PDB file of N, CA and C in Angstrom:
ATOM      1  N   MET A   1     118.028 120.749  95.033  1.00  0.00           N
ATOM      2  CA  MET A   1     117.712 120.731  93.623  1.00  0.00           C
ATOM      3  C   MET A   1     118.001 122.111  93.026  1.00  0.00           C
ATOM      4  N   GLN A   2     118.726 122.138  91.937  1.00  0.00           N
ATOM      5  CA  GLN A   2     119.092 123.400  91.297  1.00  0.00           C
ATOM      6  C   GLN A   2     117.918 123.928  90.483  1.00  0.00           C
ATOM      7  N   LYS A   3     117.645 125.221  90.644  1.00  0.00           N
ATOM      8  CA  LYS A   3     116.549 125.851  89.919  1.00  0.00           C
ATOM      9  C   LYS A   3     117.057 126.395  88.595  1.00  0.00           C
ATOM     10  N   SER A   4     116.130 126.552  87.658  1.00  0.00           N
ATOM     11  CA  SER A   4     116.495 127.159  86.381  1.00  0.00           C
ATOM     12  C   SER A   4     116.825 128.624  86.615  1.00  0.00           C
ATOM     13  N   ILE A   5     117.455 129.241  85.642  1.00  0.00           N
ATOM     14  CA  ILE A   5     117.796 130.660  85.756  1.00  0.00           C
ATOM     15  C   ILE A   5     116.525 131.491  85.881  1.00  0.00           C
ATOM     16  N   PHE A   6     115.451 131.086  85.201  1.00  0.00           N
ATOM     17  CA  PHE A   6     114.190 131.815  85.295  1.00  0.00           C
ATOM     18  C   PHE A   6     113.625 131.763  86.707  1.00  0.00           C
ATOM     19  N   GLU A   7     113.656 130.575  87.317  1.00  0.00           N
ATOM     20  CA  GLU A   7     113.173 130.439  88.694  1.00  0.00           C
ATOM     21  C   GLU A   7     114.060 131.227  89.645  1.00  0.00           C
ATOM     22  N   SER A   8     115.341 131.193  89.396  1.00  0.00           N
ATOM     23  CA  SER A   8     116.284 131.919  90.243  1.00  0.00           C
ATOM     24  C   SER A   8     116.014 133.420  90.215  1.00  0.00           C
ATOM     25  N   VAL A   9     115.738 133.962  89.034  1.00  0.00           N
ATOM     26  CA  VAL A   9     115.414 135.387  88.925  1.00  0.00           C
ATOM     27  C   VAL A   9     114.064 135.664  89.562  1.00  0.00           C
ATOM     28  N   TYR A  10     113.090 134.801  89.293  1.00  0.00           N
ATOM     29  CA  TYR A  10     111.733 135.003  89.825  1.00  0.00           C
ATOM     30  C   TYR A  10     111.733 135.027  91.348  1.00  0.00           C
ATOM     31  N   TYR A  11     112.462 134.110  91.966  1.00  0.00           N
ATOM     32  CA  TYR A  11     112.484 134.025  93.424  1.00  0.00           C
ATOM     33  C   TYR A  11     113.517 134.957  94.065  1.00  0.00           C
ATOM     34  N   GLY A  12     114.158 135.792  93.276  1.00  0.00           N
ATOM     35  CA  GLY A  12     115.068 136.786  93.815  1.00  0.00           C
ATOM     36  C   GLY A  12     116.426 136.247  94.216  1.00  0.00           C
ATOM     37  N   LYS A  13     116.789 135.070  93.751  1.00  0.00           N
ATOM     38  CA  LYS A  13     118.103 134.507  94.080  1.00  0.00           C
ATOM     39  C   LYS A  13     119.184 135.019  93.144  1.00  0.00           C
ATOM     40  N   ASN A  14     118.781 135.475  91.973  1.00  0.00           N
ATOM     41  CA  ASN A  14     119.714 136.006  90.979  1.00  0.00           C
ATOM     42  C   ASN A  14     119.190 137.369  90.556  1.00  0.00           C
ATOM     43  N   VAL A  15     119.819 138.407  91.049  1.00  0.00           N
ATOM     44  CA  VAL A  15     119.400 139.767  90.738  1.00  0.00           C
ATOM     45  C   VAL A  15     120.459 140.359  89.807  1.00  0.00           C
ATOM     46  N   PRO A  16     120.077 140.670  88.542  1.00  0.00           N
ATOM     47  CA  PRO A  16     121.073 141.091  87.562  1.00  0.00           C
ATOM     48  C   PRO A  16     121.951 142.260  87.989  1.00  0.00           C
ATOM     49  N   TYR A  17     121.408 143.235  88.715  1.00  0.00           N
ATOM     50  CA  TYR A  17     122.233 144.391  89.071  1.00  0.00           C
ATOM     51  C   TYR A  17     123.130 144.122  90.273  1.00  0.00           C
ATOM     52  N   GLU A  18     122.930 142.985  90.945  1.00  0.00           N
ATOM     53  CA  GLU A  18     123.824 142.621  92.034  1.00  0.00           C
ATOM     54  C   GLU A  18     124.883 141.672  91.485  1.00  0.00           C
ATOM     55  N   ARG A  19     126.097 141.990  91.736  1.00  0.00           N
ATOM     56  CA  ARG A  19     127.168 141.116  91.274  1.00  0.00           C
ATOM     57  C   ARG A  19     128.326 141.187  92.258  1.00  0.00           C
ATOM     58  N   ARG A  20     129.189 140.230  92.139  1.00  0.00           N
ATOM     59  CA  ARG A  20     130.334 140.187  93.041  1.00  0.00           C
ATOM     60  C   ARG A  20     131.255 141.370  92.779  1.00  0.00           C
ATOM     61  N   VAL A  21     131.810 141.884  93.845  1.00  0.00           N
ATOM     62  CA  VAL A  21     132.769 142.979  93.721  1.00  0.00           C
ATOM     63  C   VAL A  21     134.127 142.377  93.389  1.00  0.00           C
ATOM     64  N   ASN A  22     134.805 142.980  92.443  1.00  0.00           N
ATOM     65  CA  ASN A  22     136.134 142.534  92.046  1.00  0.00           C
ATOM     66  C   ASN A  22     137.116 142.922  93.152  1.00  0.00           C
ATOM     67  N   LEU A  23     137.640 141.948  93.854  1.00  0.00           N
ATOM     68  CA  LEU A  23     138.577 142.222  94.944  1.00  0.00           C
ATOM     69  C   LEU A  23     140.009 141.840  94.576  1.00  0.00           C
ATOM     70  N   SER A  24     140.338 141.979  93.304  1.00  0.00           N
ATOM     71  CA  SER A  24     141.683 141.648  92.864  1.00  0.00           C
ATOM     72  C   SER A  24     142.668 142.639  93.493  1.00  0.00           C
ATOM     73  N   PRO A  25     143.931 142.268  93.576  1.00  0.00           N
ATOM     74  CA  PRO A  25     144.926 143.199  94.117  1.00  0.00           C
ATOM     75  C   PRO A  25     144.958 144.529  93.357  1.00  0.00           C
ATOM     76  N   GLU A  26     144.783 144.480  92.041  1.00  0.00           N
ATOM     77  CA  GLU A  26     144.785 145.700  91.248  1.00  0.00           C
ATOM     78  C   GLU A  26     143.606 146.595  91.627  1.00  0.00           C
ATOM     79  N   ARG A  27     142.449 145.972  91.837  1.00  0.00           N
ATOM     80  CA  ARG A  27     141.260 146.755  92.212  1.00  0.00           C
ATOM     81  C   ARG A  27     141.429 147.369  93.602  1.00  0.00           C
ATOM     82  N   ARG A  28     141.991 146.604  94.534  1.00  0.00           N
ATOM     83  CA  ARG A  28     142.223 147.140  95.886  1.00  0.00           C
ATOM     84  C   ARG A  28     143.190 148.314  95.841  1.00  0.00           C
ATOM     85  N   GLU A  29     144.218 148.201  95.001  1.00  0.00           N
ATOM     86  CA  GLU A  29     145.171 149.301  94.864  1.00  0.00           C
ATOM     87  C   GLU A  29     144.478 150.533  94.283  1.00  0.00           C
ATOM     88  N   LEU A  30     143.659 150.331  93.271  1.00  0.00           N
ATOM     89  CA  LEU A  30     142.929 151.445  92.661  1.00  0.00           C
ATOM     90  C   LEU A  30     142.004 152.109  93.683  1.00  0.00           C
ATOM     91  N   GLU A  31     141.268 151.320  94.448  1.00  0.00           N
ATOM     92  CA  GLU A  31     140.384 151.867  95.478  1.00  0.00           C
ATOM     93  C   GLU A  31     141.180 152.669  96.511  1.00  0.00           C
ATOM     94  N   GLY A  32     142.363 152.149  96.892  1.00  0.00           N
ATOM     95  CA  GLY A  32     143.212 152.861  97.844  1.00  0.00           C
ATOM     96  C   GLY A  32     143.683 154.200  97.301  1.00  0.00           C
ATOM     97  N   ARG A  33     144.055 154.218  96.026  1.00  0.00           N
ATOM     98  CA  ARG A  33     144.495 155.466  95.403  1.00  0.00           C
ATOM     99  C   ARG A  33     143.349 156.479  95.325  1.00  0.00           C
ATOM    100  N   ILE A  34     142.163 155.992  94.997  1.00  0.00           N
ATOM    101  CA  ILE A  34     140.998 156.887  94.940  1.00  0.00           C
ATOM    102  C   ILE A  34     140.732 157.479  96.316  1.00  0.00           C
ATOM    103  N   ASN A  35     140.743 156.643  97.343  1.00  0.00           N
ATOM    104  CA  ASN A  35     140.492 157.129  98.701  1.00  0.00           C
ATOM    105  C   ASN A  35     141.569 158.113  99.160  1.00  0.00           C
ATOM    106  N   ALA A  36     142.816 157.851  98.795  1.00  0.00           N
ATOM    107  CA  ALA A  36     143.904 158.757  99.166  1.00  0.00           C
ATOM    108  C   ALA A  36     143.711 160.124  98.509  1.00  0.00           C
ATOM    109  N   GLU A  37     143.301 160.136  97.252  1.00  0.00           N
ATOM    110  CA  GLU A  37     143.063 161.400  96.555  1.00  0.00           C
ATOM    111  C   GLU A  37     141.877 162.145  97.163  1.00  0.00           C
ATOM    112  N   LYS A  38     140.826 161.409  97.485  1.00  0.00           N
ATOM    113  CA  LYS A  38     139.674 162.056  98.118  1.00  0.00           C
ATOM    114  C   LYS A  38     140.072 162.660  99.466  1.00  0.00           C
ATOM    115  N   GLN A  39     140.883 161.943 100.228  1.00  0.00           N
ATOM    116  CA  GLN A  39     141.339 162.433 101.533  1.00  0.00           C
ATOM    117  C   GLN A  39     142.209 163.678 101.360  1.00  0.00           C
ATOM    118  N   TYR A  40     143.064 163.662 100.353  1.00  0.00           N
ATOM    119  CA  TYR A  40     143.924 164.816 100.075  1.00  0.00           C
ATOM    120  C   TYR A  40     143.067 166.064  99.843  1.00  0.00           C
ATOM    121  N   PHE A  41     142.072 165.932  98.962  1.00  0.00           N
ATOM    122  CA  PHE A  41     141.232 167.088  98.667  1.00  0.00           C
ATOM    123  C   PHE A  41     140.371 167.487  99.866  1.00  0.00           C
ATOM    124  N   ALA A  42     139.921 166.527 100.647  1.00  0.00           N
ATOM    125  CA  ALA A  42     139.123 166.840 101.833  1.00  0.00           C
ATOM    126  C   ALA A  42     139.928 167.681 102.819  1.00  0.00           C
ATOM    127  N   GLU A  43     141.227 167.431 102.892  1.00  0.00           N
ATOM    128  CA  GLU A  43     142.086 168.188 103.809  1.00  0.00           C
ATOM    129  C   GLU A  43     142.431 169.571 103.259  1.00  0.00           C
ATOM    130  N   LYS A  44     142.509 169.702 101.945  1.00  0.00           N
ATOM    131  CA  LYS A  44     142.925 170.966 101.321  1.00  0.00           C
ATOM    132  C   LYS A  44     141.766 171.937 101.094  1.00  0.00           C
ATOM    133  N   LEU A  45     140.580 171.420 100.906  1.00  0.00           N
ATOM    134  CA  LEU A  45     139.450 172.271 100.543  1.00  0.00           C
ATOM    135  C   LEU A  45     138.709 172.797 101.765  1.00  0.00           C
ATOM    136  N   SER A  46     138.035 173.904 101.562  1.00  0.00           N
ATOM    137  CA  SER A  46     137.173 174.432 102.620  1.00  0.00           C
ATOM    138  C   SER A  46     135.990 173.472 102.790  1.00  0.00           C
ATOM    139  N   PRO A  47     135.288 173.535 103.904  1.00  0.00           N
ATOM    140  CA  PRO A  47     134.137 172.637 104.100  1.00  0.00           C
ATOM    141  C   PRO A  47     133.121 172.735 102.954  1.00  0.00           C
ATOM    142  N   ASP A  48     132.844 173.965 102.490  1.00  0.00           N
ATOM    143  CA  ASP A  48     131.883 174.114 101.392  1.00  0.00           C
ATOM    144  C   ASP A  48     132.420 173.491 100.102  1.00  0.00           C
ATOM    145  N   ASP A  49     133.700 173.742  99.789  1.00  0.00           N
ATOM    146  CA  ASP A  49     134.302 173.150  98.591  1.00  0.00           C
ATOM    147  C   ASP A  49     134.385 171.624  98.710  1.00  0.00           C
ATOM    148  N   CYS A  50     134.647 171.150  99.919  1.00  0.00           N
ATOM    149  CA  CYS A  50     134.706 169.708 100.151  1.00  0.00           C
ATOM    150  C   CYS A  50     133.337 169.074  99.867  1.00  0.00           C
ATOM    151  N   ARG A  51     132.275 169.729 100.328  1.00  0.00           N
ATOM    152  CA  ARG A  51     130.914 169.239 100.079  1.00  0.00           C
ATOM    153  C   ARG A  51     130.622 169.216  98.581  1.00  0.00           C
ATOM    154  N   ARG A  52     131.020 170.283  97.894  1.00  0.00           N
ATOM    155  CA  ARG A  52     130.794 170.357  96.450  1.00  0.00           C
ATOM    156  C   ARG A  52     131.610 169.286  95.714  1.00  0.00           C
ATOM    157  N   PHE A  53     132.827 169.037  96.199  1.00  0.00           N
ATOM    158  CA  PHE A  53     133.657 167.995  95.592  1.00  0.00           C
ATOM    159  C   PHE A  53     132.994 166.622  95.768  1.00  0.00           C
ATOM    160  N   GLU A  54     132.465 166.346  96.947  1.00  0.00           N
ATOM    161  CA  GLU A  54     131.764 165.074  97.196  1.00  0.00           C
ATOM    162  C   GLU A  54     130.542 164.958  96.285  1.00  0.00           C
ATOM    163  N   GLU A  55     129.840 166.058  96.086  1.00  0.00           N
ATOM    164  CA  GLU A  55     128.684 166.059  95.178  1.00  0.00           C
ATOM    165  C   GLU A  55     129.130 165.743  93.756  1.00  0.00           C
ATOM    166  N   LEU A  56     130.272 166.296  93.346  1.00  0.00           N
ATOM    167  CA  LEU A  56     130.816 165.996  92.024  1.00  0.00           C
ATOM    168  C   LEU A  56     131.130 164.506  91.901  1.00  0.00           C
ATOM    169  N   VAL A  57     131.750 163.936  92.907  1.00  0.00           N
ATOM    170  CA  VAL A  57     132.052 162.497  92.900  1.00  0.00           C
ATOM    171  C   VAL A  57     130.761 161.693  92.787  1.00  0.00           C
ATOM    172  N   ASN A  58     129.725 162.116  93.527  1.00  0.00           N
ATOM    173  CA  ASN A  58     128.437 161.415  93.464  1.00  0.00           C
ATOM    174  C   ASN A  58     127.797 161.524  92.086  1.00  0.00           C
ATOM    175  N   LEU A  59     127.938 162.681  91.447  1.00  0.00           N
ATOM    176  CA  LEU A  59     127.398 162.845  90.096  1.00  0.00           C
ATOM    177  C   LEU A  59     128.110 161.932  89.103  1.00  0.00           C
ATOM    178  N   TYR A  60     129.439 161.822  89.234  1.00  0.00           N
ATOM    179  CA  TYR A  60     130.178 160.884  88.378  1.00  0.00           C
ATOM    180  C   TYR A  60     129.701 159.448  88.613  1.00  0.00           C
ATOM    181  N   SER A  61     129.472 159.091  89.860  1.00  0.00           N
ATOM    182  CA  SER A  61     128.997 157.743  90.179  1.00  0.00           C
ATOM    183  C   SER A  61     127.629 157.490  89.560  1.00  0.00           C
ATOM    184  N   GLN A  62     126.751 158.477  89.646  1.00  0.00           N
ATOM    185  CA  GLN A  62     125.419 158.341  89.061  1.00  0.00           C
ATOM    186  C   GLN A  62     125.507 158.188  87.542  1.00  0.00           C
ATOM    187  N   ALA A  63     126.358 158.973  86.901  1.00  0.00           N
ATOM    188  CA  ALA A  63     126.535 158.864  85.454  1.00  0.00           C
ATOM    189  C   ALA A  63     127.077 157.488  85.080  1.00  0.00           C
ATOM    190  N   ASN A  64     128.024 156.973  85.858  1.00  0.00           N
ATOM    191  CA  ASN A  64     128.566 155.639  85.585  1.00  0.00           C
ATOM    192  C   ASN A  64     127.494 154.568  85.744  1.00  0.00           C
ATOM    193  N   LEU A  65     126.650 154.706  86.760  1.00  0.00           N
ATOM    194  CA  LEU A  65     125.572 153.742  86.966  1.00  0.00           C
ATOM    195  C   LEU A  65     124.605 153.768  85.787  1.00  0.00           C
ATOM    196  N   ASP A  66     124.264 154.954  85.313  1.00  0.00           N
ATOM    197  CA  ASP A  66     123.393 155.056  84.133  1.00  0.00           C
ATOM    198  C   ASP A  66     124.026 154.359  82.936  1.00  0.00           C
ATOM    199  N   ASP A  67     125.333 154.542  82.750  1.00  0.00           N
ATOM    200  CA  ASP A  67     126.036 153.861  81.653  1.00  0.00           C
ATOM    201  C   ASP A  67     125.976 152.348  81.824  1.00  0.00           C
ATOM    202  N   GLU A  68     126.173 151.863  83.047  1.00  0.00           N
ATOM    203  CA  GLU A  68     126.130 150.421  83.294  1.00  0.00           C
ATOM    204  C   GLU A  68     124.758 149.843  82.989  1.00  0.00           C
ATOM    205  N   VAL A  69     123.706 150.572  83.351  1.00  0.00           N
ATOM    206  CA  VAL A  69     122.345 150.110  83.058  1.00  0.00           C
ATOM    207  C   VAL A  69     122.147 150.021  81.545  1.00  0.00           C
ATOM    208  N   ASN A  70     122.591 151.039  80.818  1.00  0.00           N
ATOM    209  CA  ASN A  70     122.466 151.017  79.356  1.00  0.00           C
ATOM    210  C   ASN A  70     123.281 149.880  78.742  1.00  0.00           C
ATOM    211  N   ILE A  71     124.473 149.656  79.236  1.00  0.00           N
ATOM    212  CA  ILE A  71     125.319 148.575  78.722  1.00  0.00           C
ATOM    213  C   ILE A  71     124.675 147.221  78.997  1.00  0.00           C
ATOM    214  N   PHE A  72     124.151 147.039  80.215  1.00  0.00           N
ATOM    215  CA  PHE A  72     123.486 145.781  80.560  1.00  0.00           C
ATOM    216  C   PHE A  72     122.276 145.561  79.658  1.00  0.00           C
ATOM    217  N   SER A  73     121.463 146.599  79.489  1.00  0.00           N
ATOM    218  CA  SER A  73     120.259 146.495  78.668  1.00  0.00           C
ATOM    219  C   SER A  73     120.618 146.139  77.227  1.00  0.00           C
ATOM    220  N   HIS A  74     121.628 146.809  76.693  1.00  0.00           N
ATOM    221  CA  HIS A  74     122.051 146.529  75.316  1.00  0.00           C
ATOM    222  C   HIS A  74     122.566 145.098  75.184  1.00  0.00           C
ATOM    223  N   GLY A  75     123.419 144.689  76.113  1.00  0.00           N
ATOM    224  CA  GLY A  75     123.958 143.329  76.068  1.00  0.00           C
ATOM    225  C   GLY A  75     122.872 142.275  76.195  1.00  0.00           C
ATOM    226  N   PHE A  76     121.927 142.514  77.089  1.00  0.00           N
ATOM    227  CA  PHE A  76     120.821 141.579  77.263  1.00  0.00           C
ATOM    228  C   PHE A  76     119.994 141.484  75.987  1.00  0.00           C
ATOM    229  N   THR A  77     119.721 142.635  75.364  1.00  0.00           N
ATOM    230  CA  THR A  77     118.938 142.658  74.131  1.00  0.00           C
ATOM    231  C   THR A  77     119.667 141.926  73.011  1.00  0.00           C
ATOM    232  N   VAL A  78     120.953 142.178  72.868  1.00  0.00           N
ATOM    233  CA  VAL A  78     121.731 141.488  71.828  1.00  0.00           C
ATOM    234  C   VAL A  78     121.725 139.981  72.080  1.00  0.00           C
ATOM    235  N   GLY A  79     121.891 139.574  73.330  1.00  0.00           N
ATOM    236  CA  GLY A  79     121.853 138.151  73.660  1.00  0.00           C
ATOM    237  C   GLY A  79     120.516 137.520  73.332  1.00  0.00           C
ATOM    238  N   ALA A  80     119.430 138.213  73.660  1.00  0.00           N
ATOM    239  CA  ALA A  80     118.097 137.695  73.358  1.00  0.00           C
ATOM    240  C   ALA A  80     117.882 137.591  71.852  1.00  0.00           C
ATOM    241  N   LEU A  81     118.324 138.602  71.108  1.00  0.00           N
ATOM    242  CA  LEU A  81     118.186 138.559  69.648  1.00  0.00           C
ATOM    243  C   LEU A  81     119.007 137.422  69.048  1.00  0.00           C
ATOM    244  N   LEU A  82     120.193 137.185  69.600  1.00  0.00           N
ATOM    245  CA  LEU A  82     121.004 136.055  69.123  1.00  0.00           C
ATOM    246  C   LEU A  82     120.290 134.736  69.362  1.00  0.00           C
ATOM    247  N   LEU A  83     119.698 134.586  70.542  1.00  0.00           N
ATOM    248  CA  LEU A  83     118.959 133.351  70.837  1.00  0.00           C
ATOM    249  C   LEU A  83     117.780 133.171  69.889  1.00  0.00           C
ATOM    250  N   LEU A  84     117.069 134.260  69.593  1.00  0.00           N
ATOM    251  CA  LEU A  84     115.952 134.167  68.653  1.00  0.00           C
ATOM    252  C   LEU A  84     116.432 133.751  67.268  1.00  0.00           C
ATOM    253  N   GLU A  85     117.547 134.345  66.843  1.00  0.00           N
ATOM    254  CA  GLU A  85     118.083 134.002  65.525  1.00  0.00           C
ATOM    255  C   GLU A  85     118.548 132.544  65.479  1.00  0.00           C
ATOM    256  N   ILE A  86     119.184 132.097  66.534  1.00  0.00           N
ATOM    257  CA  ILE A  86     119.641 130.706  66.599  1.00  0.00           C
ATOM    258  C   ILE A  86     118.453 129.754  66.582  1.00  0.00           C
ATOM    259  N   THR A  87     117.407 130.098  67.332  1.00  0.00           N
ATOM    260  CA  THR A  87     116.205 129.265  67.367  1.00  0.00           C
ATOM    261  C   THR A  87     115.557 129.203  65.993  1.00  0.00           C
ATOM    262  N   LYS A  88     115.466 130.348  65.319  1.00  0.00           N
ATOM    263  CA  LYS A  88     114.882 130.377  63.979  1.00  0.00           C
ATOM    264  C   LYS A  88     115.691 129.506  63.023  1.00  0.00           C
ATOM    265  N   LYS A  89     117.017 129.625  63.091  1.00  0.00           N
ATOM    266  CA  LYS A  89     117.876 128.828  62.206  1.00  0.00           C
ATOM    267  C   LYS A  89     117.713 127.332  62.508  1.00  0.00           C
ATOM    268  N   ALA A  90     117.616 126.983  63.783  1.00  0.00           N
ATOM    269  CA  ALA A  90     117.423 125.577  64.159  1.00  0.00           C
ATOM    270  C   ALA A  90     116.095 125.063  63.613  1.00  0.00           C
ATOM    271  N   GLU A  91     115.054 125.887  63.695  1.00  0.00           N
ATOM    272  CA  GLU A  91     113.753 125.483  63.155  1.00  0.00           C
ATOM    273  C   GLU A  91     113.827 125.297  61.644  1.00  0.00           C
ATOM    274  N   GLU A  92     114.556 126.193  60.961  1.00  0.00           N
ATOM    275  CA  GLU A  92     114.723 126.061  59.514  1.00  0.00           C
ATOM    276  C   GLU A  92     115.464 124.773  59.170  1.00  0.00           C
ATOM    277  N   LEU A  93     116.490 124.458  59.938  1.00  0.00           N
ATOM    278  CA  LEU A  93     117.250 123.227  59.689  1.00  0.00           C
ATOM    279  C   LEU A  93     116.382 122.002  59.928  1.00  0.00           C
ATOM    280  N   GLN A  94     115.566 122.047  60.979  1.00  0.00           N
ATOM    281  CA  GLN A  94     114.663 120.929  61.253  1.00  0.00           C
ATOM    282  C   GLN A  94     113.637 120.787  60.142  1.00  0.00           C
ATOM    283  N   ALA A  95     113.102 121.907  59.646  1.00  0.00           N
ATOM    284  CA  ALA A  95     112.136 121.864  58.551  1.00  0.00           C
ATOM    285  C   ALA A  95     112.783 121.291  57.299  1.00  0.00           C
ATOM    286  N   ASP A  96     114.018 121.704  57.011  1.00  0.00           N
ATOM    287  CA  ASP A  96     114.742 121.158  55.857  1.00  0.00           C
ATOM    288  C   ASP A  96     114.927 119.654  55.993  1.00  0.00           C
ATOM    289  N   GLU A  97     115.226 119.206  57.202  1.00  0.00           N
ATOM    290  CA  GLU A  97     115.426 117.765  57.450  1.00  0.00           C
ATOM    291  C   GLU A  97     114.117 117.008  57.257  1.00  0.00           C
ATOM    292  N   ILE A  98     113.016 117.576  57.706  1.00  0.00           N
ATOM    293  CA  ILE A  98     111.711 116.930  57.524  1.00  0.00           C
ATOM    294  C   ILE A  98     111.374 116.817  56.041  1.00  0.00           C
ATOM    295  N   VAL A  99     111.602 117.890  55.284  1.00  0.00           N
ATOM    296  CA  VAL A  99     111.342 117.866  53.840  1.00  0.00           C
ATOM    297  C   VAL A  99     112.236 116.838  53.167  1.00  0.00           C
ATOM    298  N   ARG A 100     113.481 116.785  53.558  1.00  0.00           N
ATOM    299  CA  ARG A 100     114.425 115.827  52.974  1.00  0.00           C
ATOM    300  C   ARG A 100     113.973 114.393  53.241  1.00  0.00           C
ATOM    301  N   LYS A 101     113.574 114.114  54.477  1.00  0.00           N
ATOM    302  CA  LYS A 101     113.106 112.757  54.822  1.00  0.00           C
ATOM    303  C   LYS A 101     111.845 112.412  54.048  1.00  0.00           C
ATOM    304  N   PHE A 102     110.908 113.360  53.964  1.00  0.00           N
ATOM    305  CA  PHE A 102     109.671 113.118  53.245  1.00  0.00           C
ATOM    306  C   PHE A 102     109.960 112.841  51.771  1.00  0.00           C
ATOM    307  N   THR A 103     110.857 113.641  51.180  1.00  0.00           N
ATOM    308  CA  THR A 103     111.213 113.471  49.771  1.00  0.00           C
ATOM    309  C   THR A 103     111.881 112.119  49.555  1.00  0.00           C
ATOM    310  N   ASP A 104     112.795 111.731  50.449  1.00  0.00           N
ATOM    311  CA  ASP A 104     113.463 110.433  50.341  1.00  0.00           C
ATOM    312  C   ASP A 104     112.456 109.293  50.430  1.00  0.00           C
ATOM    313  N   GLU A 105     111.526 109.393  51.379  1.00  0.00           N
ATOM    314  CA  GLU A 105     110.507 108.348  51.537  1.00  0.00           C
ATOM    315  C   GLU A 105     109.611 108.285  50.309  1.00  0.00           C
ATOM    316  N   PHE A 106     109.232 109.437  49.800  1.00  0.00           N
ATOM    317  CA  PHE A 106     108.360 109.500  48.616  1.00  0.00           C
ATOM    318  C   PHE A 106     109.059 108.894  47.415  1.00  0.00           C
ATOM    319  N   LEU A 107     110.314 109.215  47.218  1.00  0.00           N
ATOM    320  CA  LEU A 107     111.056 108.696  46.071  1.00  0.00           C
ATOM    321  C   LEU A 107     111.316 107.201  46.209  1.00  0.00           C
ATOM    322  N   ASN A 108     111.502 106.716  47.414  1.00  0.00           N
ATOM    323  CA  ASN A 108     111.772 105.298  47.653  1.00  0.00           C
ATOM    324  C   ASN A 108     110.515 104.451  47.454  1.00  0.00           C
ATOM    325  N   GLU A 109     109.320 105.046  47.579  1.00  0.00           N
ATOM    326  CA  GLU A 109     108.076 104.311  47.392  1.00  0.00           C
ATOM    327  C   GLU A 109     107.844 103.985  45.937  1.00  0.00           C
ATOM    328  N   LYS A 110     108.385 104.759  45.029  1.00  0.00           N
ATOM    329  CA  LYS A 110     108.138 104.562  43.604  1.00  0.00           C
ATOM    330  C   LYS A 110     109.042 103.559  42.982  1.00  0.00           C
TER     331      LYS A 110
END
């Protein structure tokens, strides 16, 4: 039996920050180029400079992760606000329909 998205998140089956890794040929090529560049610098730099370079790479990764969290949060908030607006509009349309039916019934009684 398929669970709702809420149940899936609650039971830990759907974790928003976990997602499939893009293994497209383009992504594999990009990863290979990144690794080749890192290897190049690891061979050229002194051990201390190599350590500092790795720290720089880690800082870039941390900054990117912070950006991803902000992007996810913003997108989630916009999606939730859209759903609220859609729900409000649907309620307004339903209320208009109820008033219309009531008015039609009232006018038909006379």
